[in-house]
Amino acid sequence: AVDFIYNLAKEFSYEGGLPYILYTQTQREMYRIAAYYILLFNENLGQVDETEIMDFASLGEHNALVEILQDSRFTSQLNEIFKDSKPIDSLPGWKSEDWFGIFMDKNYPWVLHYSLGWIYLDPCTNNQQGFWFYWSKREEWFWTGRNYYAKGYMFSNKLGKWVYYLEDSDALFIYSEQEWVKL
């Protein structure tokens, strides 16, 4: 009996890969996938969904882990800039910061901002004091931070100059040139 329980728990394979109990599947990989699911989704998990775990398990361990790491429930946890942002109850998935406005970061590092549109936050500069973002509308990188963006200031990497952005406008003001440039 001890030998049976030991071999069953270890899930040894016999006779060219046959399971210890014929026609049973090993569960270790599914348990590891379930552990990844619970640990990596963390507070964004809500309720454990057995069907979803089985769907991940059907992909195999490697592909399941790739899918989990690309899921917004995991990636949104990496966003240190907006981790304490206030959710907007009337707009599910949307958040607000006094200094940054309204946005949705579900697809972090891509963020949909109500005025800027789609921006890509550089994960290497991931704090409110200062961060780089790629503004898809302008097709260029900008640097800003809590104390700068609140006043409309951003540094344009392409221009190598400070610019002013008035929310909901279609232009940037370049300080050194004292001129407005259309977006």
C-alpha atoms as a PDB file:
ATOM      1  CA  ALA A   1       0.000   0.000   0.000  1.00  0.00           C
ATOM      2  CA  VAL A   2       2.843   2.396   0.842  1.00  0.00           C
ATOM      3  CA  ASP A   3       4.527   1.621  -2.487  1.00  0.00           C
ATOM      4  CA  PHE A   4       1.242   2.233  -4.319  1.00  0.00           C
ATOM      5  CA  ILE A   5       0.627   5.646  -2.642  1.00  0.00           C
ATOM      6  CA  TYR A   6       4.264   6.691  -3.126  1.00  0.00           C
ATOM      7  CA  ASN A   7       4.262   5.819  -6.836  1.00  0.00           C
ATOM      8  CA  LEU A   8       0.841   7.385  -7.334  1.00  0.00           C
ATOM      9  CA  ALA A   9       1.919  10.652  -5.672  1.00  0.00           C
ATOM     10  CA  LYS A  10       5.165  10.810  -7.645  1.00  0.00           C
ATOM     11  CA  GLU A  11       3.272  10.046 -10.858  1.00  0.00           C
ATOM     12  CA  PHE A  12       6.012   7.770 -12.102  1.00  0.00           C
ATOM     13  CA  SER A  13       5.708   6.451 -15.633  1.00  0.00           C
ATOM     14  CA  TYR A  14       6.271   2.785 -16.441  1.00  0.00           C
ATOM     15  CA  GLU A  15       6.585   0.624 -19.519  1.00  0.00           C
ATOM     16  CA  GLY A  16       7.621   3.274 -22.035  1.00  0.00           C
ATOM     17  CA  GLY A  17       5.699   6.214 -20.583  1.00  0.00           C
ATOM     18  CA  LEU A  18       2.514   4.552 -19.330  1.00  0.00           C
ATOM     19  CA  PRO A  19       1.080   6.135 -16.180  1.00  0.00           C
ATOM     20  CA  TYR A  20       1.231   4.187 -12.922  1.00  0.00           C
ATOM     21  CA  ILE A  21      -2.534   3.711 -13.156  1.00  0.00           C
ATOM     22  CA  LEU A  22      -3.385   2.982 -16.767  1.00  0.00           C
ATOM     23  CA  TYR A  23      -5.446   5.610 -18.660  1.00  0.00           C
ATOM     24  CA  THR A  24      -5.007   8.336 -16.049  1.00  0.00           C
ATOM     25  CA  GLN A  25      -3.414  11.655 -16.851  1.00  0.00           C
ATOM     26  CA  THR A  26      -0.710  13.285 -14.766  1.00  0.00           C
ATOM     27  CA  GLN A  27      -1.891  16.242 -12.753  1.00  0.00           C
ATOM     28  CA  ARG A  28       1.411  17.908 -11.830  1.00  0.00           C
ATOM     29  CA  GLU A  29       1.489  20.146 -14.898  1.00  0.00           C
ATOM     30  CA  MET A  30      -2.112  21.223 -14.342  1.00  0.00           C
ATOM     31  CA  TYR A  31      -1.332  22.012 -10.684  1.00  0.00           C
ATOM     32  CA  ARG A  32       1.672  24.103 -11.720  1.00  0.00           C
ATOM     33  CA  ILE A  33      -0.482  25.968 -14.258  1.00  0.00           C
ATOM     34  CA  ALA A  34      -3.144  26.552 -11.591  1.00  0.00           C
ATOM     35  CA  ALA A  35      -0.424  27.886  -9.268  1.00  0.00           C
ATOM     36  CA  TYR A  36       0.848  30.255 -12.005  1.00  0.00           C
ATOM     37  CA  TYR A  37      -2.742  31.374 -12.599  1.00  0.00           C
ATOM     38  CA  ILE A  38      -3.388  32.191  -8.940  1.00  0.00           C
ATOM     39  CA  LEU A  39       0.034  33.645  -8.088  1.00  0.00           C
ATOM     40  CA  LEU A  40       0.541  35.768 -11.207  1.00  0.00           C
ATOM     41  CA  PHE A  41      -2.970  37.182 -11.496  1.00  0.00           C
ATOM     42  CA  ASN A  42      -2.864  37.966  -7.770  1.00  0.00           C
ATOM     43  CA  GLU A  43      -5.422  40.622  -6.742  1.00  0.00           C
ATOM     44  CA  ASN A  44      -6.709  40.946 -10.318  1.00  0.00           C
ATOM     45  CA  LEU A  45      -7.987  37.397 -10.293  1.00  0.00           C
ATOM     46  CA  GLY A  46     -11.336  37.900  -8.626  1.00  0.00           C
ATOM     47  CA  GLN A  47     -12.731  34.378  -8.515  1.00  0.00           C
ATOM     48  CA  VAL A  48     -10.809  31.245  -9.500  1.00  0.00           C
ATOM     49  CA  ASP A  49     -12.322  29.896 -12.714  1.00  0.00           C
ATOM     50  CA  GLU A  50     -11.774  26.137 -13.059  1.00  0.00           C
ATOM     51  CA  THR A  51     -12.771  26.215 -16.735  1.00  0.00           C
ATOM     52  CA  GLU A  52     -10.157  28.866 -17.458  1.00  0.00           C
ATOM     53  CA  ILE A  53      -7.495  26.825 -15.649  1.00  0.00           C
ATOM     54  CA  MET A  54      -8.427  23.804 -17.756  1.00  0.00           C
ATOM     55  CA  ASP A  55      -8.224  25.946 -20.913  1.00  0.00           C
ATOM     56  CA  PHE A  56      -4.721  27.082 -19.905  1.00  0.00           C
ATOM     57  CA  ALA A  57      -3.790  23.473 -19.057  1.00  0.00           C
ATOM     58  CA  SER A  58      -4.839  22.328 -22.536  1.00  0.00           C
ATOM     59  CA  LEU A  59      -2.135  24.608 -23.977  1.00  0.00           C
ATOM     60  CA  GLY A  60       0.695  22.863 -22.135  1.00  0.00           C
ATOM     61  CA  GLU A  61       2.817  24.442 -19.424  1.00  0.00           C
ATOM     62  CA  HIS A  62       5.031  26.645 -21.601  1.00  0.00           C
ATOM     63  CA  ASN A  63       2.213  28.068 -23.758  1.00  0.00           C
ATOM     64  CA  ALA A  64      -0.042  28.504 -20.722  1.00  0.00           C
ATOM     65  CA  LEU A  65       2.646  30.550 -18.985  1.00  0.00           C
ATOM     66  CA  VAL A  66       3.133  32.674 -22.113  1.00  0.00           C
ATOM     67  CA  GLU A  67      -0.643  33.344 -22.254  1.00  0.00           C
ATOM     68  CA  ILE A  68      -0.803  34.199 -18.539  1.00  0.00           C
ATOM     69  CA  LEU A  69       2.139  36.613 -18.826  1.00  0.00           C
ATOM     70  CA  GLN A  70       0.425  38.393 -21.733  1.00  0.00           C
ATOM     71  CA  ASP A  71      -2.958  38.646 -20.001  1.00  0.00           C
ATOM     72  CA  SER A  72      -3.977  42.124 -18.827  1.00  0.00           C
ATOM     73  CA  ARG A  73      -4.672  40.767 -15.334  1.00  0.00           C
ATOM     74  CA  PHE A  74      -0.925  40.181 -15.049  1.00  0.00           C
ATOM     75  CA  THR A  75       0.522  43.048 -17.100  1.00  0.00           C
ATOM     76  CA  SER A  76      -1.595  45.725 -15.393  1.00  0.00           C
ATOM     77  CA  GLN A  77       0.063  44.827 -12.063  1.00  0.00           C
ATOM     78  CA  LEU A  78       3.418  45.972 -13.477  1.00  0.00           C
ATOM     79  CA  ASN A  79       2.188  49.530 -13.916  1.00  0.00           C
ATOM     80  CA  GLU A  80       3.758  51.378 -10.988  1.00  0.00           C
ATOM     81  CA  ILE A  81       2.834  54.806 -12.372  1.00  0.00           C
ATOM     82  CA  PHE A  82      -0.904  54.332 -11.996  1.00  0.00           C
ATOM     83  CA  LYS A  83      -1.086  51.596  -9.343  1.00  0.00           C
ATOM     84  CA  ASP A  84      -2.981  53.823  -6.879  1.00  0.00           C
ATOM     85  CA  SER A  85      -5.231  55.518  -9.422  1.00  0.00           C
ATOM     86  CA  LYS A  86      -8.910  55.921  -8.634  1.00  0.00           C
ATOM     87  CA  PRO A  87     -11.280  53.721 -10.665  1.00  0.00           C
ATOM     88  CA  ILE A  88     -14.198  55.527 -12.282  1.00  0.00           C
ATOM     89  CA  ASP A  89     -17.343  53.695 -11.207  1.00  0.00           C
ATOM     90  CA  SER A  90     -19.439  54.908 -14.134  1.00  0.00           C
ATOM     91  CA  LEU A  91     -16.756  53.820 -16.668  1.00  0.00           C
ATOM     92  CA  PRO A  92     -15.620  50.236 -15.946  1.00  0.00           C
ATOM     93  CA  GLY A  93     -11.911  49.746 -16.662  1.00  0.00           C
ATOM     94  CA  TRP A  94     -11.185  53.493 -16.664  1.00  0.00           C
ATOM     95  CA  LYS A  95      -9.181  55.303 -13.985  1.00  0.00           C
ATOM     96  CA  SER A  96      -8.368  58.857 -13.042  1.00  0.00           C
ATOM     97  CA  GLU A  97      -5.399  60.797 -11.698  1.00  0.00           C
ATOM     98  CA  ASP A  98      -5.709  64.464 -10.751  1.00  0.00           C
ATOM     99  CA  TRP A  99      -2.478  65.269 -12.576  1.00  0.00           C
ATOM    100  CA  PHE A 100      -2.934  62.981 -15.624  1.00  0.00           C
ATOM    101  CA  GLY A 101      -6.650  62.874 -16.315  1.00  0.00           C
ATOM    102  CA  ILE A 102      -8.767  59.923 -17.393  1.00  0.00           C
ATOM    103  CA  PHE A 103      -7.236  56.784 -18.895  1.00  0.00           C
ATOM    104  CA  MET A 104      -7.521  53.014 -19.228  1.00  0.00           C
ATOM    105  CA  ASP A 105      -4.391  50.968 -18.469  1.00  0.00           C
ATOM    106  CA  LYS A 106      -5.874  47.505 -18.878  1.00  0.00           C
ATOM    107  CA  ASN A 107      -3.464  46.775 -21.741  1.00  0.00           C
ATOM    108  CA  TYR A 108      -0.357  48.114 -19.979  1.00  0.00           C
ATOM    109  CA  PRO A 109       2.207  49.105 -21.167  1.00  0.00           C
ATOM    110  CA  TRP A 110      -0.244  50.477 -23.752  1.00  0.00           C
ATOM    111  CA  VAL A 111      -2.540  53.035 -22.141  1.00  0.00           C
ATOM    112  CA  LEU A 112      -5.566  54.721 -23.700  1.00  0.00           C
ATOM    113  CA  HIS A 113      -5.697  58.341 -22.519  1.00  0.00           C
ATOM    114  CA  TYR A 114      -8.868  60.350 -23.088  1.00  0.00           C
ATOM    115  CA  SER A 115      -6.959  63.240 -24.675  1.00  0.00           C
ATOM    116  CA  LEU A 116      -3.631  61.806 -25.886  1.00  0.00           C
ATOM    117  CA  GLY A 117      -5.137  58.639 -27.335  1.00  0.00           C
ATOM    118  CA  TRP A 118      -2.897  55.573 -27.310  1.00  0.00           C
ATOM    119  CA  ILE A 119       0.442  55.924 -25.550  1.00  0.00           C
ATOM    120  CA  TYR A 120       3.072  53.323 -24.730  1.00  0.00           C
ATOM    121  CA  LEU A 121       4.663  53.688 -21.282  1.00  0.00           C
ATOM    122  CA  ASP A 122       8.312  52.726 -21.097  1.00  0.00           C
ATOM    123  CA  PRO A 123       8.394  50.012 -18.397  1.00  0.00           C
ATOM    124  CA  CYS A 124      11.989  50.973 -17.479  1.00  0.00           C
ATOM    125  CA  THR A 125      10.929  54.443 -16.288  1.00  0.00           C
ATOM    126  CA  ASN A 126       7.946  53.293 -14.294  1.00  0.00           C
ATOM    127  CA  ASN A 127       7.191  55.965 -11.673  1.00  0.00           C
ATOM    128  CA  GLN A 128       5.179  59.165 -11.397  1.00  0.00           C
ATOM    129  CA  GLN A 129       8.210  61.395 -10.813  1.00  0.00           C
ATOM    130  CA  GLY A 130       9.350  60.939 -14.388  1.00  0.00           C
ATOM    131  CA  PHE A 131       8.648  58.533 -17.231  1.00  0.00           C
ATOM    132  CA  TRP A 132       9.019  58.149 -20.973  1.00  0.00           C
ATOM    133  CA  PHE A 133       6.048  57.428 -23.187  1.00  0.00           C
ATOM    134  CA  TYR A 134       5.588  56.900 -26.891  1.00  0.00           C
ATOM    135  CA  TRP A 135       2.718  58.982 -28.236  1.00  0.00           C
ATOM    136  CA  SER A 136       1.342  57.062 -31.211  1.00  0.00           C
ATOM    137  CA  LYS A 137      -0.494  60.109 -32.593  1.00  0.00           C
ATOM    138  CA  ARG A 138       2.811  62.034 -32.869  1.00  0.00           C
ATOM    139  CA  GLU A 139       4.968  58.942 -33.481  1.00  0.00           C
ATOM    140  CA  GLU A 140       7.575  60.120 -31.009  1.00  0.00           C
ATOM    141  CA  TRP A 141       8.824  59.741 -27.454  1.00  0.00           C
ATOM    142  CA  PHE A 142       8.141  62.219 -24.669  1.00  0.00           C
ATOM    143  CA  TRP A 143       9.346  62.503 -21.107  1.00  0.00           C
ATOM    144  CA  THR A 144       7.097  63.874 -18.391  1.00  0.00           C
ATOM    145  CA  GLY A 145       6.117  63.269 -14.790  1.00  0.00           C
ATOM    146  CA  ARG A 146       3.548  64.146 -12.170  1.00  0.00           C
ATOM    147  CA  ASN A 147       4.867  67.676 -11.548  1.00  0.00           C
ATOM    148  CA  TYR A 148       5.334  68.379 -15.262  1.00  0.00           C
ATOM    149  CA  TYR A 149       2.283  66.897 -16.959  1.00  0.00           C
ATOM    150  CA  ALA A 150      -0.036  68.515 -14.403  1.00  0.00           C
ATOM    151  CA  LYS A 151       1.112  71.835 -15.881  1.00  0.00           C
ATOM    152  CA  GLY A 152       1.080  70.580 -19.480  1.00  0.00           C
ATOM    153  CA  TYR A 153       4.870  70.189 -19.829  1.00  0.00           C
ATOM    154  CA  MET A 154       6.522  67.388 -21.755  1.00  0.00           C
ATOM    155  CA  PHE A 155      10.002  66.983 -23.211  1.00  0.00           C
ATOM    156  CA  SER A 156      10.018  65.936 -26.868  1.00  0.00           C
ATOM    157  CA  ASN A 157      12.850  63.528 -27.629  1.00  0.00           C
ATOM    158  CA  LYS A 158      12.442  64.131 -31.382  1.00  0.00           C
ATOM    159  CA  LEU A 159      12.667  67.907 -31.071  1.00  0.00           C
ATOM    160  CA  GLY A 160      15.043  67.855 -28.109  1.00  0.00           C
ATOM    161  CA  LYS A 161      12.917  70.618 -26.570  1.00  0.00           C
ATOM    162  CA  TRP A 162      10.276  71.258 -23.948  1.00  0.00           C
ATOM    163  CA  VAL A 163       6.741  71.545 -25.250  1.00  0.00           C
ATOM    164  CA  TYR A 164       3.426  72.517 -23.750  1.00  0.00           C
ATOM    165  CA  TYR A 165       0.343  70.406 -24.411  1.00  0.00           C
ATOM    166  CA  LEU A 166      -3.078  71.825 -23.751  1.00  0.00           C
ATOM    167  CA  GLU A 167      -5.464  68.885 -23.256  1.00  0.00           C
ATOM    168  CA  ASP A 168      -8.058  68.456 -25.995  1.00  0.00           C
ATOM    169  CA  SER A 169      -6.121  70.714 -28.346  1.00  0.00           C
ATOM    170  CA  ASP A 170      -4.626  69.731 -31.662  1.00  0.00           C
ATOM    171  CA  ALA A 171      -1.286  71.469 -31.176  1.00  0.00           C
ATOM    172  CA  LEU A 172       1.886  71.620 -29.098  1.00  0.00           C
ATOM    173  CA  PHE A 173       3.573  74.832 -28.050  1.00  0.00           C
ATOM    174  CA  ILE A 174       7.359  74.745 -28.470  1.00  0.00           C
ATOM    175  CA  TYR A 175       8.839  77.074 -25.844  1.00  0.00           C
ATOM    176  CA  SER A 176      12.193  77.791 -27.471  1.00  0.00           C
ATOM    177  CA  GLU A 177      10.516  78.702 -30.774  1.00  0.00           C
ATOM    178  CA  GLN A 178       7.517  80.409 -29.181  1.00  0.00           C
ATOM    179  CA  GLU A 179       5.225  78.742 -31.722  1.00  0.00           C
ATOM    180  CA  TRP A 180       2.378  76.261 -31.922  1.00  0.00           C
ATOM    181  CA  VAL A 181       2.815  73.090 -33.993  1.00  0.00           C
ATOM    182  CA  LYS A 182      -0.197  71.083 -35.215  1.00  0.00           C
ATOM    183  CA  LEU A 183      -0.444  67.481 -34.091  1.00  0.00           C
END
